[in-house]
């Protein structure tokens, strides 16, 4: 079965429903409802295909969130805090990987945190579904020292031809704590 067939079928159904409703209640000719129906169907299929890469993610417990918001890593370890905000592609799942291993997916506004070993690391973010084909994956290399907290804000950006993911390292941990206090926290998979 083709990858986006369910989304296309829902779009076609939405197009037929819209064409029927417009034909019955607005226009009584054939062309206008057909065009509106085609437009509606294409739009619905496009949106659903962009969201096709979303995974069901578990929220972290309140205790885990409270512990993370203290911004204190375990002894000899480092803490990576990644949060996503912004309106662009807010419902499309952004897959996060650390050193090539997937650990979470974020929609906006949400955050996650990961305890990791000190050393050089690379954080990668890429959209799933059709949104992935329309946006460039991005990477952010950083050095995690024992006892350090690395906070990174992620925003999706629209481009003329292709979207992009932008990483912004955050130095003011107090401001980050204040922002994250009102956001849901997504549970992260264990670090490598």
Protein backbone atom coordinates (compact mmCIF):
# COMPACT_ATOMS: atom_id res chain seq x y z
CA UNK A 1 0.00 0.00 0.00
CA UNK A 2 1.48 3.40 -0.95
CA UNK A 3 2.81 5.43 1.96
CA UNK A 4 0.27 8.28 1.87
CA UNK A 5 -2.76 6.43 0.47
CA UNK A 6 -4.90 6.74 3.66
CA UNK A 7 -4.34 10.50 3.76
CA UNK A 8 -5.15 10.84 0.06
CA UNK A 9 -8.35 8.82 0.48
CA UNK A 10 -9.49 11.02 3.38
CA UNK A 11 -8.71 14.07 1.23
CA UNK A 12 -10.79 12.67 -1.65
CA UNK A 13 -13.68 11.96 0.74
CA UNK A 14 -13.46 15.49 2.16
CA UNK A 15 -13.44 16.87 -1.38
CA UNK A 16 -16.60 14.95 -2.32
CA UNK A 17 -18.37 16.08 0.85
CA UNK A 18 -17.39 19.71 0.27
CA UNK A 19 -18.45 19.56 -3.40
CA UNK A 20 -21.81 18.07 -2.42
CA UNK A 21 -22.45 20.67 0.30
CA UNK A 22 -21.51 23.57 -1.95
CA UNK A 23 -23.65 22.15 -4.79
CA UNK A 24 -26.69 21.79 -2.53
CA UNK A 25 -26.43 24.96 -0.45
CA UNK A 26 -24.46 27.53 -2.46
CA UNK A 27 -24.07 26.97 -6.21
CA UNK A 28 -26.47 25.05 -8.35
CA UNK A 29 -24.16 24.52 -11.29
CA UNK A 30 -21.54 21.78 -11.60
CA UNK A 31 -18.20 23.56 -12.14
CA UNK A 32 -17.86 25.70 -8.98
CA UNK A 33 -18.63 22.90 -6.48
CA UNK A 34 -16.25 20.59 -8.31
CA UNK A 35 -13.42 23.12 -8.14
CA UNK A 36 -14.07 23.88 -4.47
CA UNK A 37 -14.25 20.15 -3.74
CA UNK A 38 -10.96 19.49 -5.54
CA UNK A 39 -9.29 22.30 -3.63
CA UNK A 40 -10.63 21.11 -0.29
CA UNK A 41 -9.65 17.50 -1.00
CA UNK A 42 -6.12 18.46 -2.02
CA UNK A 43 -5.70 20.67 1.05
CA UNK A 44 -6.93 17.99 3.47
CA UNK A 45 -4.72 15.32 1.85
CA UNK A 46 -1.69 17.64 2.02
CA UNK A 47 -2.18 18.46 5.71
CA UNK A 48 -2.77 14.83 6.69
CA UNK A 49 0.26 13.64 4.69
CA UNK A 50 2.41 16.21 6.54
CA UNK A 51 1.19 14.78 9.85
CA UNK A 52 1.65 11.15 8.74
CA UNK A 53 5.09 10.98 10.40
CA UNK A 54 3.74 11.80 13.85
CA UNK A 55 4.25 9.11 16.47
CA UNK A 56 2.31 8.49 19.62
CA UNK A 57 4.61 9.85 22.32
CA UNK A 58 4.37 9.47 26.08
CA UNK A 59 4.52 12.48 28.33
CA UNK A 60 7.03 12.39 31.15
CA UNK A 61 5.71 12.05 34.68
CA UNK A 62 5.24 15.12 36.85
CA UNK A 63 8.13 13.94 39.04
CA UNK A 64 10.46 13.61 36.03
CA UNK A 65 9.48 17.07 34.80
CA UNK A 66 10.05 18.59 38.24
CA UNK A 67 13.46 16.92 38.50
CA UNK A 68 14.43 18.09 35.00
CA UNK A 69 13.39 21.67 35.74
CA UNK A 70 15.97 21.78 38.55
CA UNK A 71 18.57 21.70 35.72
CA UNK A 72 21.01 19.60 37.75
CA UNK A 73 22.51 16.57 35.97
CA UNK A 74 23.51 13.43 37.88
CA UNK A 75 27.13 13.39 39.13
CA UNK A 76 29.63 12.84 36.31
CA UNK A 77 26.95 13.28 33.62
CA UNK A 78 25.59 16.14 31.50
CA UNK A 79 22.02 17.17 30.76
CA UNK A 80 20.59 18.04 27.35
CA UNK A 81 17.30 19.95 27.35
CA UNK A 82 15.62 20.44 23.97
CA UNK A 83 12.45 22.42 23.52
CA UNK A 84 10.38 23.38 20.53
CA UNK A 85 8.26 26.47 20.13
CA UNK A 86 6.75 28.48 17.32
CA UNK A 87 3.71 28.29 15.08
CA UNK A 88 5.25 27.03 11.83
CA UNK A 89 4.58 23.28 11.45
CA UNK A 90 3.55 23.16 15.11
CA UNK A 91 1.56 19.93 14.73
CA UNK A 92 4.15 18.10 12.61
CA UNK A 93 6.33 15.76 14.66
CA UNK A 94 10.02 16.69 14.74
CA UNK A 95 12.18 13.59 15.27
CA UNK A 96 15.20 14.14 17.51
CA UNK A 97 18.33 12.01 17.48
CA UNK A 98 21.52 12.21 19.51
CA UNK A 99 24.63 10.82 17.85
CA UNK A 100 22.46 8.97 15.33
CA UNK A 101 20.04 7.38 17.84
CA UNK A 102 16.42 8.57 17.93
CA UNK A 103 15.29 9.58 21.40
CA UNK A 104 12.13 11.70 21.09
CA UNK A 105 9.62 13.44 18.84
CA UNK A 106 8.40 16.95 19.59
CA UNK A 107 5.46 18.99 18.42
CA UNK A 108 5.26 22.64 19.46
CA UNK A 109 5.33 23.72 22.29
CA UNK A 110 6.93 20.78 24.09
CA UNK A 111 10.29 19.81 25.53
CA UNK A 112 12.35 16.79 26.43
CA UNK A 113 15.56 16.13 28.32
CA UNK A 114 18.27 13.52 28.14
CA UNK A 115 21.08 12.64 30.53
CA UNK A 116 24.27 11.95 28.60
CA UNK A 117 27.92 11.15 29.03
CA UNK A 118 30.38 14.03 28.81
CA UNK A 119 32.03 14.56 25.44
CA UNK A 120 31.23 15.74 21.94
CA UNK A 121 27.70 15.07 20.71
CA UNK A 122 25.53 15.86 17.70
CA UNK A 123 21.82 16.64 18.01
CA UNK A 124 19.85 16.04 14.80
CA UNK A 125 16.27 17.07 14.02
CA UNK A 126 14.14 16.06 11.03
CA UNK A 127 10.43 16.03 10.30
CA UNK A 128 8.61 12.80 9.53
CA UNK A 129 5.87 12.23 6.96
CA UNK A 130 5.53 14.46 3.92
CA UNK A 131 6.81 17.36 6.02
CA UNK A 132 10.20 15.60 6.06
CA UNK A 133 10.48 15.75 2.30
CA UNK A 134 9.70 19.48 2.39
CA UNK A 135 12.21 20.45 5.09
CA UNK A 136 15.93 20.07 5.50
CA UNK A 137 17.15 18.02 8.45
CA UNK A 138 19.52 19.95 10.68
CA UNK A 139 22.33 19.09 13.09
CA UNK A 140 23.85 20.88 16.05
CA UNK A 141 27.24 19.76 17.38
CA UNK A 142 28.05 20.59 21.00
CA UNK A 143 30.45 19.68 23.79
CA UNK A 144 28.83 18.34 26.97
CA UNK A 145 31.00 18.67 30.06
CA UNK A 146 30.36 16.77 33.29
CA UNK A 147 27.87 18.73 35.39
CA UNK A 148 26.83 20.97 32.49
CA UNK A 149 23.38 21.69 31.11
CA UNK A 150 22.97 22.27 27.38
CA UNK A 151 19.64 23.89 26.50
CA UNK A 152 18.63 24.14 22.84
CA UNK A 153 15.56 25.83 21.38
CA UNK A 154 14.26 24.49 18.06
CA UNK A 155 12.11 26.44 15.62
CA UNK A 156 10.80 25.39 12.22
CA UNK A 157 11.24 27.98 9.50
CA UNK A 158 9.48 28.41 6.19
CA UNK A 159 11.58 28.99 3.09
CA UNK A 160 10.77 29.89 -0.49
CA UNK A 161 11.37 26.34 -1.71
CA UNK A 162 12.10 24.26 1.36
CA UNK A 163 11.61 24.66 5.10
CA UNK A 164 14.37 24.36 7.65
CA UNK A 165 14.98 23.58 11.31
CA UNK A 166 16.85 26.19 13.35
CA UNK A 167 18.77 25.42 16.55
CA UNK A 168 19.37 28.18 19.09
CA UNK A 169 21.59 27.35 22.10
CA UNK A 170 20.22 29.00 25.24
CA UNK A 171 22.64 30.30 27.89
CA UNK A 172 20.10 31.75 30.35
CA UNK A 173 18.91 28.61 32.17
CA UNK A 174 16.62 30.62 34.44
CA UNK A 175 14.68 31.92 31.42
CA UNK A 176 14.58 28.39 29.98
CA UNK A 177 13.20 27.02 33.27
CA UNK A 178 10.46 29.66 33.25
CA UNK A 179 9.45 28.76 29.66
CA UNK A 180 9.52 25.02 30.25
CA UNK A 181 7.44 25.15 33.42
CA UNK A 182 4.29 25.70 31.36
CA UNK A 183 5.16 23.24 28.54
CA UNK A 184 4.37 19.52 28.47
CA UNK A 185 7.47 17.32 28.74
CA UNK A 186 7.88 14.36 26.39
CA UNK A 187 9.57 11.23 27.77
CA UNK A 188 12.90 10.53 26.08
CA UNK A 189 14.41 7.16 25.24
CA UNK A 190 17.59 6.23 27.12
CA UNK A 191 20.88 7.67 25.88
CA UNK A 192 23.52 5.49 24.27
